[in-house]
Protein backbone atom coordinates (compact mmCIF):
# COMPACT_ATOMS: atom_id res chain seq x y z
CA MET A 1 -27.38 20.79 -1.72
CA THR A 2 -26.17 22.31 1.51
CA LEU A 3 -22.46 22.44 2.16
CA ARG A 4 -20.83 23.29 5.43
CA THR A 5 -17.29 24.42 5.93
CA ILE A 6 -15.06 22.52 8.27
CA LEU A 7 -12.23 24.76 9.35
CA ILE A 8 -9.25 22.53 9.71
CA SER A 9 -6.12 23.69 11.51
CA SER A 10 -3.87 26.09 9.68
CA SER A 11 -1.29 23.32 9.35
CA LEU A 12 -3.27 22.19 6.30
CA GLY A 13 -2.13 25.35 4.55
CA SER A 14 -4.18 26.34 1.52
CA LEU A 15 -6.77 23.63 2.21
CA ALA A 16 -7.81 25.12 5.55
CA GLY A 17 -11.39 25.68 4.44
CA ILE A 18 -12.22 22.24 3.09
CA LEU A 19 -15.91 21.76 2.40
CA ILE A 20 -17.65 18.62 3.57
CA TRP A 21 -20.88 17.51 2.00
CA SER A 22 -23.85 15.28 2.68
CA ALA A 23 -24.10 11.56 1.94
CA ALA A 24 -26.70 12.36 -0.73
CA CYS A 25 -24.10 14.32 -2.65
CA LEU A 26 -21.69 11.40 -2.55
CA SER A 27 -24.21 8.95 -3.93
CA ASP A 28 -25.46 11.32 -6.64
CA ARG A 29 -22.21 12.23 -8.41
CA LYS A 30 -18.48 11.79 -8.46
CA HIS A 31 -17.40 15.28 -7.42
CA LEU A 32 -18.51 18.81 -6.80
CA THR A 33 -19.15 21.38 -9.48
CA CYS A 34 -16.97 24.47 -9.63
CA GLU A 35 -19.80 26.67 -8.33
CA GLU A 36 -20.01 24.62 -5.16
CA VAL A 37 -16.35 25.02 -4.28
CA ARG A 38 -16.90 28.30 -2.48
CA SER A 39 -13.51 28.38 -0.78
CA ALA A 40 -11.50 28.13 -4.00
CA GLU A 41 -9.81 31.30 -5.17
CA THR A 42 -8.39 30.13 -8.51
CA SER A 43 -9.16 27.49 -11.10
CA ALA A 44 -6.15 25.53 -9.84
CA ASP A 45 -7.73 25.51 -6.36
CA ILE A 46 -10.97 24.24 -7.86
CA ASP A 47 -9.14 21.42 -9.62
CA LYS A 48 -7.47 20.44 -6.34
CA CYS A 49 -10.81 20.47 -4.54
CA GLN A 50 -12.33 18.37 -7.33
CA ALA A 51 -9.57 15.77 -6.85
CA PHE A 52 -10.04 15.83 -3.08
CA TYR A 53 -13.78 15.21 -3.34
CA THR A 54 -13.36 12.65 -6.09
CA VAL A 55 -11.00 10.61 -3.89
CA LEU A 56 -13.29 10.87 -0.86
CA THR A 57 -16.22 9.75 -2.98
CA LEU A 58 -14.28 6.83 -4.46
CA LEU A 59 -13.10 5.74 -1.03
CA TRP A 60 -16.60 6.07 0.41
CA ARG A 61 -17.97 3.85 -2.34
CA ALA A 62 -15.19 1.27 -2.16
CA GLU A 63 -14.63 1.16 1.59
CA SER A 64 -18.16 1.29 3.01
CA SER A 65 -20.32 0.54 -0.05
CA ASN A 66 -21.80 4.04 0.03
CA GLY A 67 -22.09 4.05 3.81
CA LYS A 68 -23.83 0.66 4.02
CA GLN A 69 -20.91 -1.48 5.28
CA MET A 70 -19.48 0.30 8.32
CA ILE A 71 -17.20 -2.47 9.64
CA GLY A 72 -14.29 -3.98 7.70
CA ASP A 73 -10.94 -5.72 8.03
CA GLY A 74 -12.39 -8.31 10.39
CA GLY A 75 -13.72 -5.62 12.72
CA LEU A 76 -10.52 -3.54 12.80
CA ALA A 77 -11.71 -0.80 10.42
CA ARG A 78 -14.79 1.33 11.03
CA GLY A 79 -16.98 3.94 9.45
CA HIS A 80 -17.47 5.59 6.09
CA PHE A 81 -13.80 5.34 5.13
CA GLN A 82 -12.95 2.12 7.05
CA GLN A 83 -10.44 3.81 9.34
CA HIS A 84 -8.40 1.88 11.87
CA GLU A 85 -8.30 3.19 15.42
CA GLY A 86 -4.70 4.42 15.34
CA HIS A 87 -5.25 6.21 12.05
CA TRP A 88 -8.43 7.79 13.46
CA HIS A 89 -6.63 9.08 16.54
CA ASP A 90 -3.75 10.45 14.44
CA GLY A 91 -6.19 12.49 12.37
CA CYS A 92 -8.14 13.67 15.41
CA GLU A 93 -4.92 14.78 17.09
CA ARG A 94 -3.94 16.80 14.02
CA LEU A 95 -7.39 18.41 14.01
CA GLY A 96 -7.40 19.03 17.74
CA ALA A 97 -10.67 17.06 17.89
CA ASP A 98 -11.75 14.69 20.63
CA TRP A 99 -13.92 12.43 18.47
CA ALA A 100 -14.77 8.96 19.72
CA TYR A 101 -13.72 5.78 17.95
CA PRO A 102 -15.62 3.93 16.55
CA LYS A 103 -18.79 5.96 17.17
CA ASP A 104 -17.77 9.11 15.31
CA THR A 105 -16.45 7.20 12.28
CA HIS A 106 -20.13 6.92 11.34
CA ASN A 107 -20.36 10.71 11.01
CA LEU A 108 -19.47 11.44 7.37
CA ALA A 109 -18.20 14.97 7.98
CA LYS A 110 -15.96 13.89 10.86
CA ALA A 111 -14.64 10.87 8.96
CA ALA A 112 -13.82 13.04 5.94
CA ALA A 113 -12.08 15.63 8.12
CA VAL A 114 -9.96 12.92 9.78
CA THR A 115 -9.08 11.52 6.36
CA ALA A 116 -8.03 14.99 5.16
CA ALA A 117 -5.94 15.55 8.30
CA ASN A 118 -4.14 12.27 7.74
CA TRP A 119 -3.47 13.16 4.12
CA ALA A 120 -2.04 16.47 5.31
CA ARG A 121 0.32 14.51 7.56
CA TYR A 122 1.26 11.59 5.33
CA ALA A 123 0.71 12.95 1.80
CA PRO A 124 0.89 16.76 1.89
CA ASP A 125 2.28 17.05 -1.65
CA ALA A 126 -0.43 14.77 -3.07
CA LEU A 127 -3.10 16.74 -1.21
CA LYS A 128 -1.81 20.10 -2.44
CA SER A 129 -1.39 18.91 -6.04
CA GLY A 130 -4.61 16.90 -6.21
CA ASN A 131 -2.83 13.59 -6.98
CA VAL A 132 -5.77 11.18 -6.89
CA GLU A 133 -3.70 7.99 -7.14
CA MET A 134 -1.38 8.91 -4.28
CA LEU A 135 -4.26 9.98 -2.02
CA VAL A 136 -5.90 6.58 -2.54
CA ARG A 137 -2.63 4.76 -1.85
CA GLN A 138 -1.95 6.85 1.26
CA HIS A 139 -5.41 6.20 2.64
CA ARG A 140 -4.83 2.45 2.85
CA LYS A 141 -1.17 2.38 3.87
CA PRO A 142 0.12 5.82 4.86
CA ASN A 143 3.66 4.59 5.49
CA ASP A 144 3.84 2.18 2.55
CA PRO A 145 1.88 3.55 -0.44
CA TYR A 146 3.52 1.13 -2.90
CA GLY A 147 3.54 -1.91 -0.60
CA SER A 148 1.95 -5.29 -1.02
CA GLY A 149 -1.62 -5.21 -2.27
CA GLN A 150 -1.63 -1.49 -3.05
CA ASP A 151 -1.97 -1.83 -6.84
CA GLU A 152 -4.99 -4.12 -6.42
CA TYR A 153 -6.48 -1.72 -3.87
CA LEU A 154 -5.97 1.23 -6.22
CA ASP A 155 -7.66 -0.69 -9.06
CA ARG A 156 -10.62 -1.58 -6.84
CA VAL A 157 -11.11 2.01 -5.66
CA MET A 158 -10.60 3.56 -9.10
CA LYS A 159 -13.34 1.37 -10.63
CA GLY A 160 -15.74 3.98 -9.23
CA ILE A 161 -14.57 6.50 -11.83
CA LYS A 162 -15.78 4.43 -14.76
């Protein structure tokens, strides 16, 4: 499997060298092996990367049915991670990227980078600690992770672990 490093702005702190992978990797397994996490310096970093990739994989499966359903929420959400336009632009702004909505939401690497940038903004502690549950909750409702429907959403996404 070929990995490529997306260098995300230094505002992401220790996760500045997040690795993005191919769609084949997502469909083949739940998360990366330790050997593939080239940017990790310690076992704690590897665990955090494992959580990051696990959440992205779970979201990819739940939100777009492994990249097969690219439009959701009655046409309001697009791409691999079913991102809404405002959320997409927030992440792009944080990255300093000028990626088009909805066209670029179909690019897995860009969609994952935007998701990571939004987690860095809305859930930095969960991102740094590898808190899978909070990352899932923050993806759907960044400003209301425990709001209406969030427990059901978490259950639906987490079914991918079993």
